Amino acid sequence: MFFNTISLFYMQIRSIKDYSPFALFLPLLVLYTAYVCYFHTDQMEGDEMRYIQFAKNLLQGFYSPAYPHIDLINGPGYPIVLMPFAALSTPLIFITLFNAVLYYVSVVFLFKAIQLVTLSFKAACIAALCWGLNILAYQEMPCILTECLTAFLISAFSYQLIRIYSTPGFTYKTLLPAGFTFGFLILTKVIFAYVLVILLVCTGICYVLRKHSDLMLKIVCIFSFALLTITPYIIYTYSLTGKFFYLSSEGGKVLYWMTSLDAHEYGDWNNNTFTANCSETFCNADLIAVNHAADIQQINACKDVLEADALFKHMAIEHIKTNPVKYIKNWFANIGRLLFGFPASYYFQSPATLVRIYINSVLLLALVYSCIAVLWNLKKIPVEIKILAGFSMCYLVLSSLFSAYPRQFNVLVPALLIWITYILKNTVKIDLKISAGN
């Protein structure tokens, strides 16, 4: 009886390959749903209220209020997704439950992408579970924030890219969905617009030089479709601001805080009241105000957000000119914040930071190894893996130049896991057995 039970269990494990990935990872959706239900609150805080308001604006036929009350802090991607919820006035928990669905589908796309590129069910399962059980990315799931949508879009775009190159018979018409997904990602996180520009220029040059011309043409088409997707928003922001490719009014502020000159500050972002890191038990606003109150007073005197953004940028550039070494130090600290959530200016660290160190240190080690392996084997690496690696590194480098936080790194993990898994699968052989000595 015992051996019959073991045999039956073994047969079930072997037949797991026959399951649809949507069924295979369904327990994760149950986990995410429970997590959202437990941690969700109906009290909106910070950015949550802004996203809902933008969704309501779209329902009324506009996005940003007209001059002088222009508001372009973020792109319209997430508010577009929120429009049905705002139109139906659904309870807020339905939005966060939708976040759980997006995260679950991102796991499925990650699994399918890795299975295509490595031809390994085992590698795909392990990598998908690494993302699906990555508790660092759960923090924003019960909130009305962009992270779950961004992670879903990155995972979906990565899968579409891998599928185009891994599946015979794909025509150029199949490039349109990948381009649209990338475009919508830009509308959700506008920093990816600059990733697009860099990649489009690089792949365009490769195509002109006829290096893998047919393969490069597909990539150029994808990026061109992405550019077409965001063109209406570029035209819209130009009509409001008179500035070309002006996608967000927040760039000056994040650069300003990144260039802080005080020796005891590390370039982390704050708001105009210096209360970004304040809680019920601790507030460092007075300490930060000592160095920035005069600057913020000038900013608050600006007649509109465009003037404030320009002044922030001017101050930031002057800071860099005054002490470029301090900016480099802040940049180094910013990499720590991006990966591990520290250091932060005048702020007590939490033991939860150790969890980030344990998890992301392993990912960082794999990332460094994979970057070296890609460069060492550049001619042998498939084009889609090169593009994903370039996509990832462009985003990380650009993010490191401005005040960053761990959630900006977490959303990129699906793309990282795809090409890291490919590299590890093809270069690393592990044998835990110790051979007996002679």
Protein backbone atom coordinates (compact mmCIF):
# COMPACT_ATOMS: atom_id res chain seq x y z
CA MET A 1 0.00 0.00 0.00
CA PHE A 2 2.81 2.39 0.94
CA PHE A 3 4.74 1.74 -2.26
CA ASN A 4 1.58 2.12 -4.34
CA THR A 5 1.00 5.55 -2.78
CA ILE A 6 4.60 6.61 -3.47
CA SER A 7 4.33 5.42 -7.08
CA LEU A 8 1.08 7.32 -7.59
CA PHE A 9 2.63 10.49 -6.14
CA TYR A 10 5.67 10.12 -8.41
CA MET A 11 3.45 9.72 -11.45
CA GLN A 12 1.58 12.88 -10.51
CA ILE A 13 4.84 14.82 -10.23
CA ARG A 14 6.02 13.55 -13.63
CA SER A 15 2.71 14.48 -15.24
CA ILE A 16 2.87 18.04 -13.94
CA LYS A 17 4.41 19.07 -17.28
CA ASP A 18 1.04 18.41 -18.88
CA TYR A 19 -0.66 21.12 -16.82
CA SER A 20 -1.35 24.56 -18.23
CA PRO A 21 0.95 27.10 -16.53
CA PHE A 22 -2.16 29.03 -15.51
CA ALA A 23 -3.31 25.95 -13.56
CA LEU A 24 0.20 25.12 -12.39
CA PHE A 25 0.65 28.45 -10.63
CA LEU A 26 -2.95 28.88 -9.49
CA PRO A 27 -1.96 28.33 -5.81
CA LEU A 28 0.07 31.54 -6.08
CA LEU A 29 -3.06 33.46 -7.06
CA VAL A 30 -4.75 32.10 -3.93
CA LEU A 31 -1.74 33.27 -1.90
CA TYR A 32 -1.81 36.74 -3.45
CA THR A 33 -5.56 37.07 -2.93
CA ALA A 34 -5.20 36.17 0.73
CA TYR A 35 -2.29 38.60 1.09
CA VAL A 36 -4.28 41.47 -0.43
CA CYS A 37 -7.37 40.74 1.68
CA TYR A 38 -5.28 40.69 4.85
CA PHE A 39 -3.22 43.83 4.26
CA HIS A 40 -5.61 46.01 2.24
CA THR A 41 -7.08 49.11 3.87
CA ASP A 42 -9.69 51.47 2.46
CA GLN A 43 -7.62 54.51 3.40
CA MET A 44 -5.72 55.87 0.42
CA GLU A 45 -2.33 57.41 1.05
CA GLY A 46 0.19 59.34 -1.02
CA ASP A 47 0.25 58.45 -4.71
CA GLU A 48 -2.90 56.30 -4.50
CA MET A 49 -5.22 59.30 -4.44
CA ARG A 50 -3.43 60.85 -7.42
CA TYR A 51 -3.87 57.77 -9.62
CA ILE A 52 -7.58 57.61 -8.83
CA GLN A 53 -7.97 61.32 -9.60
CA PHE A 54 -6.21 60.93 -12.94
CA ALA A 55 -8.56 58.05 -13.80
CA LYS A 56 -11.53 60.30 -13.00
CA ASN A 57 -10.01 63.05 -15.16
CA LEU A 58 -9.78 60.66 -18.10
CA LEU A 59 -13.44 59.75 -17.67
CA GLN A 60 -14.22 63.45 -18.00
CA GLY A 61 -12.26 63.76 -21.24
CA PHE A 62 -8.93 65.19 -20.10
CA TYR A 63 -5.81 64.05 -18.26
CA SER A 64 -4.03 67.02 -16.74
CA PRO A 65 -5.74 70.26 -15.75
CA ALA A 66 -4.94 73.14 -18.10
CA TYR A 67 -2.23 75.76 -17.54
CA PRO A 68 -1.29 77.02 -14.94
CA HIS A 69 -2.47 73.94 -12.98
CA ILE A 70 -0.64 71.39 -15.16
CA ASP A 71 -0.06 68.06 -13.43
CA LEU A 72 2.13 65.55 -15.27
CA ILE A 73 3.82 63.76 -12.39
CA ASN A 74 3.17 60.35 -13.92
CA GLY A 75 2.09 58.91 -17.24
CA PRO A 76 -1.50 57.86 -17.98
CA GLY A 77 -0.87 54.08 -18.16
CA TYR A 78 -2.08 53.12 -14.70
CA PRO A 79 -4.97 55.64 -14.65
CA ILE A 80 -6.20 54.13 -17.94
CA VAL A 81 -6.33 50.71 -16.23
CA LEU A 82 -8.16 52.27 -13.28
CA MET A 83 -10.84 53.91 -15.43
CA PRO A 84 -13.37 51.00 -15.23
CA PHE A 85 -12.97 50.86 -11.45
CA ALA A 86 -13.45 54.62 -11.17
CA ALA A 87 -16.42 54.60 -13.55
CA LEU A 88 -18.19 51.88 -11.57
CA SER A 89 -17.12 53.30 -8.18
CA THR A 90 -16.08 49.83 -7.08
CA PRO A 91 -14.69 49.25 -3.57
CA LEU A 92 -10.94 49.91 -3.49
CA ILE A 93 -10.16 46.30 -2.63
CA PHE A 94 -11.22 45.26 -6.15
CA ILE A 95 -8.34 47.33 -7.54
CA THR A 96 -5.81 45.66 -5.27
CA LEU A 97 -7.27 42.23 -6.03
CA PHE A 98 -6.67 43.06 -9.68
CA ASN A 99 -3.05 43.73 -8.70
CA ALA A 100 -2.92 40.16 -7.42
CA VAL A 101 -4.18 38.89 -10.80
CA LEU A 102 -1.57 40.96 -12.65
CA TYR A 103 1.22 39.60 -10.48
CA TYR A 104 -0.02 36.03 -10.99
CA VAL A 105 -0.12 36.44 -14.78
CA SER A 106 3.39 37.93 -14.69
CA VAL A 107 4.56 34.65 -13.12
CA VAL A 108 2.90 32.66 -15.92
CA PHE A 109 4.50 34.81 -18.65
CA LEU A 110 7.88 34.49 -16.97
CA PHE A 111 7.53 30.71 -16.87
CA LYS A 112 6.51 30.51 -20.53
CA ALA A 113 9.35 32.79 -21.64
CA ILE A 114 12.03 30.79 -19.83
CA GLN A 115 10.62 27.49 -21.05
CA LEU A 116 10.85 28.77 -24.62
CA VAL A 117 14.38 30.11 -24.38
CA THR A 118 15.92 27.29 -22.30
CA LEU A 119 13.71 24.35 -23.40
CA SER A 120 13.77 23.33 -19.74
CA PHE A 121 10.62 22.83 -17.69
CA LYS A 122 12.65 22.55 -14.50
CA ALA A 123 14.55 25.80 -15.04
CA ALA A 124 11.33 27.60 -15.93
CA CYS A 125 9.61 26.34 -12.76
CA ILE A 126 12.47 27.33 -10.49
CA ALA A 127 12.78 30.82 -11.96
CA ALA A 128 9.00 31.38 -11.95
CA LEU A 129 8.81 30.37 -8.30
CA CYS A 130 11.72 32.68 -7.49
CA TRP A 131 9.59 35.53 -8.83
CA GLY A 132 6.25 34.22 -7.60
CA LEU A 133 7.53 33.82 -4.02
CA ASN A 134 9.62 37.00 -4.00
CA ILE A 135 8.13 38.63 -0.91
CA LEU A 136 10.03 41.86 -1.59
CA ALA A 137 7.65 42.59 -4.47
CA TYR A 138 4.52 41.93 -2.40
CA GLN A 139 4.68 45.24 -0.53
CA GLU A 140 2.82 47.28 -3.15
CA MET A 141 0.28 44.57 -4.00
CA PRO A 142 -2.38 45.72 -1.47
CA CYS A 143 -1.93 49.33 -2.61
CA ILE A 144 -3.20 51.35 -5.57
CA LEU A 145 0.26 51.74 -7.07
CA THR A 146 1.84 51.01 -10.44
CA GLU A 147 4.29 48.25 -9.46
CA CYS A 148 2.14 45.17 -10.17
CA LEU A 149 1.06 46.56 -13.55
CA THR A 150 4.67 47.45 -14.39
CA ALA A 151 5.94 43.98 -13.47
CA PHE A 152 3.16 42.41 -15.55
CA LEU A 153 4.02 44.56 -18.58
CA ILE A 154 7.75 43.78 -18.29
CA SER A 155 7.02 40.06 -18.01
CA ALA A 156 4.56 40.18 -20.92
CA PHE A 157 6.96 42.15 -23.14
CA SER A 158 9.81 39.77 -22.32
CA TYR A 159 7.64 36.77 -23.22
CA GLN A 160 6.52 38.36 -26.48
CA LEU A 161 10.12 39.13 -27.41
CA ILE A 162 11.28 35.57 -26.64
CA ARG A 163 8.31 34.07 -28.50
CA ILE A 164 8.98 36.10 -31.64
CA TYR A 165 12.48 34.67 -31.93
CA SER A 166 11.79 31.18 -30.57
CA THR A 167 8.66 30.25 -32.53
CA PRO A 168 8.94 29.53 -36.28
CA GLY A 169 6.53 31.20 -38.66
CA PHE A 170 6.10 34.52 -36.86
CA THR A 171 5.51 37.44 -39.24
CA TYR A 172 6.11 41.12 -38.69
CA LYS A 173 2.44 41.56 -37.79
CA THR A 174 3.18 39.70 -34.58
CA LEU A 175 5.60 42.45 -33.57
CA LEU A 176 2.76 44.89 -33.02
CA PRO A 177 1.60 43.45 -29.64
CA ALA A 178 5.18 43.54 -28.31
CA GLY A 179 5.54 47.16 -29.39
CA PHE A 180 2.21 48.11 -27.85
CA THR A 181 3.15 46.40 -24.56
CA PHE A 182 6.45 48.29 -24.45
CA GLY A 183 4.63 51.51 -25.26
CA PHE A 184 2.08 50.99 -22.51
CA LEU A 185 4.96 50.23 -20.13
CA ILE A 186 6.37 53.67 -20.98
CA LEU A 187 3.01 55.30 -20.28
CA THR A 188 3.04 53.56 -16.89
CA LYS A 189 6.70 54.27 -16.00
CA VAL A 190 7.97 57.12 -18.16
CA ILE A 191 11.65 56.36 -17.47
CA PHE A 192 11.31 53.53 -19.99
CA ALA A 193 10.91 56.17 -22.71
CA TYR A 194 14.61 56.88 -22.41
CA VAL A 195 15.35 53.15 -22.42
CA LEU A 196 13.41 53.02 -25.70
CA VAL A 197 15.38 55.88 -27.22
CA ILE A 198 18.73 54.28 -26.32
CA LEU A 199 17.74 50.85 -27.62
CA LEU A 200 16.13 52.22 -30.77
CA VAL A 201 19.29 54.18 -31.65
CA CYS A 202 21.58 51.21 -30.92
CA THR A 203 19.52 48.65 -32.84
CA GLY A 204 18.99 51.11 -35.67
CA ILE A 205 22.75 51.53 -36.03
CA CYS A 206 23.23 47.76 -35.99
CA TYR A 207 20.63 47.39 -38.71
CA VAL A 208 22.25 50.07 -40.87
CA LEU A 209 25.61 48.36 -40.43
CA ARG A 210 23.87 45.11 -41.46
CA LYS A 211 24.79 43.20 -38.33
CA HIS A 212 22.14 40.44 -38.12
CA SER A 213 20.02 42.71 -40.33
CA ASP A 214 16.89 40.53 -40.43
CA LEU A 215 16.95 40.01 -36.68
CA MET A 216 17.63 43.69 -36.01
CA LEU A 217 14.79 44.73 -38.30
CA LYS A 218 12.32 42.89 -36.06
CA ILE A 219 13.65 44.71 -33.00
CA VAL A 220 13.58 48.08 -34.78
CA CYS A 221 9.94 47.40 -35.75
CA ILE A 222 9.02 46.55 -32.14
CA PHE A 223 10.61 49.72 -30.82
CA SER A 224 9.04 51.79 -33.60
CA PHE A 225 5.58 50.43 -32.68
CA ALA A 226 6.32 51.36 -29.05
CA LEU A 227 7.20 54.89 -30.13
CA LEU A 228 3.95 55.10 -32.12
CA THR A 229 2.04 53.96 -29.03
CA ILE A 230 3.31 56.85 -26.91
CA THR A 231 3.13 59.45 -29.69
CA PRO A 232 -0.41 60.65 -28.75
CA TYR A 233 0.81 61.33 -25.21
CA ILE A 234 3.90 63.15 -26.52
CA ILE A 235 1.65 65.33 -28.67
CA TYR A 236 -0.69 65.92 -25.72
CA THR A 237 2.08 67.00 -23.35
CA TYR A 238 3.52 69.25 -26.05
CA SER A 239 0.15 70.96 -26.43
CA LEU A 240 0.10 71.62 -22.67
CA THR A 241 3.72 72.58 -22.08
CA GLY A 242 5.23 73.60 -25.42
CA LYS A 243 8.05 71.15 -24.65
CA PHE A 244 8.89 68.16 -26.86
CA PHE A 245 9.18 64.71 -25.24
CA TYR A 246 8.13 66.17 -21.90
CA LEU A 247 6.64 63.08 -20.23
CA SER A 248 6.78 63.99 -16.54
CA SER A 249 7.11 67.10 -14.37
CA GLU A 250 8.80 65.12 -11.58
CA GLY A 251 12.25 64.71 -13.17
CA GLY A 252 13.71 67.90 -11.73
CA LYS A 253 12.69 67.05 -8.20
CA VAL A 254 14.16 63.53 -8.15
CA LEU A 255 17.40 64.87 -9.63
CA TYR A 256 17.52 67.72 -7.08
CA TRP A 257 17.32 65.38 -4.09
CA MET A 258 19.85 63.06 -5.69
CA THR A 259 22.40 65.90 -5.79
CA SER A 260 22.14 66.96 -2.14
CA LEU A 261 25.49 68.44 -1.03
CA ASP A 262 25.23 67.84 2.71
CA ALA A 263 27.74 65.27 3.97
CA HIS A 264 25.08 63.56 6.10
CA GLU A 265 22.56 63.17 3.27
CA TYR A 266 22.71 60.42 0.67
CA GLY A 267 20.54 61.58 -2.20
CA ASP A 268 17.23 60.01 -1.17
CA TRP A 269 14.01 61.67 -2.32
CA ASN A 270 11.78 63.82 -0.15
CA ASN A 271 8.72 66.01 -0.63
CA ASN A 272 8.32 69.77 -0.32
CA THR A 273 7.38 69.48 3.36
CA PHE A 274 10.26 67.06 4.15
CA THR A 275 7.89 64.47 5.61
CA ALA A 276 8.38 61.59 3.14
CA ASN A 277 9.98 59.36 5.77
CA CYS A 278 7.94 60.49 8.77
CA SER A 279 5.89 58.03 10.82
CA GLU A 280 3.95 58.11 14.06
CA THR A 281 7.12 57.50 16.07
CA PHE A 282 9.82 59.30 14.09
CA CYS A 283 10.22 62.29 11.78
CA ASN A 284 13.43 63.72 10.33
CA ALA A 285 11.78 66.73 8.65
CA ASP A 286 13.56 69.31 10.83
CA LEU A 287 16.98 67.85 10.04
CA ILE A 288 16.34 67.91 6.29
CA ALA A 289 14.78 71.38 6.38
CA VAL A 290 18.06 72.87 7.64
CA ASN A 291 19.67 72.26 4.25
CA HIS A 292 16.70 72.58 1.91
CA ALA A 293 14.14 75.01 3.35
CA ALA A 294 15.51 77.98 1.40
CA ASP A 295 15.47 76.05 -1.90
CA ILE A 296 11.95 74.76 -1.37
CA GLN A 297 10.79 78.27 -0.50
CA GLN A 298 11.94 79.37 -3.97
CA ILE A 299 10.24 76.37 -5.54
CA ASN A 300 6.96 77.11 -3.77
CA ALA A 301 7.08 80.65 -5.15
CA CYS A 302 7.05 79.39 -8.75
CA LYS A 303 3.97 80.26 -10.75
CA ASP A 304 3.45 76.75 -12.14
CA VAL A 305 4.82 73.21 -12.11
CA LEU A 306 6.86 73.76 -15.29
CA GLU A 307 8.76 76.64 -13.72
CA ALA A 308 9.26 74.60 -10.53
CA ASP A 309 10.58 71.63 -12.52
CA ALA A 310 13.00 73.87 -14.42
CA LEU A 311 14.22 75.46 -11.18
CA PHE A 312 14.72 72.04 -9.57
CA LYS A 313 16.83 70.99 -12.57
CA HIS A 314 18.85 74.21 -12.44
CA MET A 315 19.57 73.72 -8.72
CA ALA A 316 20.53 70.08 -9.31
CA ILE A 317 22.95 70.96 -12.11
CA GLU A 318 24.54 73.66 -9.94
CA HIS A 319 24.96 71.11 -7.14
CA ILE A 320 26.74 68.71 -9.52
CA LYS A 321 29.00 71.50 -10.80
CA THR A 322 29.81 72.59 -7.26
CA ASN A 323 30.73 69.13 -5.98
CA PRO A 324 30.70 66.34 -8.60
CA VAL A 325 32.40 63.96 -6.15
CA LYS A 326 29.43 64.27 -3.77
CA TYR A 327 27.06 63.36 -6.61
CA ILE A 328 29.15 60.24 -7.29
CA LYS A 329 28.94 59.34 -3.60
CA ASN A 330 25.17 59.83 -3.70
CA TRP A 331 25.02 57.68 -6.84
CA PHE A 332 26.87 54.90 -5.04
CA ALA A 333 24.43 55.20 -2.11
CA ASN A 334 21.56 55.21 -4.58
CA ILE A 335 22.56 51.79 -5.89
CA GLY A 336 22.30 50.56 -2.29
CA ARG A 337 18.80 52.04 -1.99
CA LEU A 338 17.75 50.54 -5.32
CA LEU A 339 18.82 47.05 -4.28
CA PHE A 340 18.61 47.01 -0.49
CA GLY A 341 16.60 50.04 0.66
CA PHE A 342 19.47 51.83 2.40
CA PRO A 343 21.14 54.20 3.22
CA ALA A 344 18.54 56.89 3.96
CA SER A 345 19.31 60.33 5.35
CA TYR A 346 18.71 60.76 9.10
CA TYR A 347 16.62 57.59 9.20
CA PHE A 348 16.63 54.57 11.48
CA GLN A 349 17.02 51.29 9.64
CA SER A 350 14.53 48.47 10.09
CA PRO A 351 15.44 44.79 10.56
CA ALA A 352 13.32 44.19 7.46
CA THR A 353 16.26 45.60 5.50
CA LEU A 354 18.11 42.36 6.23
CA VAL A 355 15.51 40.44 4.22
CA ARG A 356 16.28 42.62 1.19
CA ILE A 357 19.99 42.01 1.68
CA TYR A 358 19.58 38.23 1.87
CA ILE A 359 17.39 38.00 -1.23
CA ASN A 360 18.81 40.67 -3.50
CA SER A 361 22.44 39.83 -2.72
CA VAL A 362 21.91 36.45 -4.38
CA LEU A 363 20.22 38.14 -7.34
CA LEU A 364 23.01 40.73 -7.55
CA LEU A 365 25.67 38.03 -7.62
CA ALA A 366 23.82 36.19 -10.41
CA LEU A 367 23.36 39.48 -12.27
CA VAL A 368 27.06 40.37 -12.16
CA TYR A 369 28.05 36.86 -13.27
CA SER A 370 25.51 36.93 -16.11
CA CYS A 371 26.68 40.34 -17.34
CA ILE A 372 30.24 39.05 -17.54
CA ALA A 373 29.07 35.87 -19.30
CA VAL A 374 27.05 37.88 -21.84
CA LEU A 375 30.02 40.11 -22.69
CA TRP A 376 32.39 37.12 -22.83
CA ASN A 377 30.09 35.18 -25.20
CA LEU A 378 28.54 38.13 -27.01
CA LYS A 379 28.60 36.55 -30.48
CA LYS A 380 27.01 33.33 -29.22
CA ILE A 381 24.18 34.91 -27.23
CA PRO A 382 20.76 34.95 -29.00
CA VAL A 383 19.58 38.38 -30.08
CA GLU A 384 16.52 38.31 -27.79
CA ILE A 385 18.72 37.66 -24.74
CA LYS A 386 21.02 40.54 -25.73
CA ILE A 387 18.00 42.83 -26.09
CA LEU A 388 16.60 41.81 -22.70
CA ALA A 389 20.00 42.31 -21.10
CA GLY A 390 20.35 45.72 -22.74
CA PHE A 391 16.78 46.64 -21.77
CA SER A 392 17.49 45.69 -18.15
CA MET A 393 20.86 47.39 -17.83
CA CYS A 394 19.69 50.62 -19.50
CA TYR A 395 16.83 50.84 -17.02
CA LEU A 396 19.05 50.11 -14.02
CA VAL A 397 21.70 52.64 -15.06
CA LEU A 398 19.11 55.36 -15.72
CA SER A 399 17.33 54.61 -12.43
CA SER A 400 20.60 54.88 -10.53
CA LEU A 401 21.11 58.46 -11.73
CA PHE A 402 18.00 59.71 -9.92
CA SER A 403 16.70 59.11 -6.40
CA ALA A 404 15.60 55.48 -6.42
CA TYR A 405 13.92 52.94 -4.16
CA PRO A 406 13.71 49.12 -4.06
CA ARG A 407 10.30 48.98 -5.73
CA GLN A 408 11.94 50.40 -8.87
CA PHE A 409 14.28 47.40 -8.90
CA ASN A 410 11.62 44.83 -7.98
CA VAL A 411 9.55 45.45 -11.12
CA LEU A 412 12.52 44.55 -13.33
CA VAL A 413 13.12 41.14 -11.74
CA PRO A 414 11.02 39.18 -14.31
CA ALA A 415 13.21 40.39 -17.18
CA LEU A 416 16.37 39.81 -15.17
CA LEU A 417 15.36 36.26 -14.29
CA ILE A 418 14.77 35.34 -17.93
CA TRP A 419 18.21 36.16 -19.26
CA ILE A 420 20.00 35.25 -16.01
CA THR A 421 18.35 31.80 -16.11
CA TYR A 422 19.39 31.37 -19.74
CA ILE A 423 23.01 32.24 -18.87
CA LEU A 424 23.14 30.02 -15.78
CA LYS A 425 21.49 27.13 -17.63
CA ASN A 426 24.11 27.27 -20.38
CA THR A 427 27.24 28.02 -18.37
CA VAL A 428 26.94 26.62 -14.84
CA LYS A 429 27.07 22.94 -13.99
CA ILE A 430 26.48 22.06 -10.33
CA ASP A 431 27.22 18.69 -8.77
CA LEU A 432 26.59 18.43 -5.03
CA LYS A 433 28.13 14.98 -4.81
CA ILE A 434 31.63 14.67 -3.37
CA SER A 435 33.70 12.00 -5.05
CA ALA A 436 35.45 9.54 -2.74
CA GLY A 437 39.21 10.00 -2.49
CA ASN A 438 41.63 7.50 -3.86
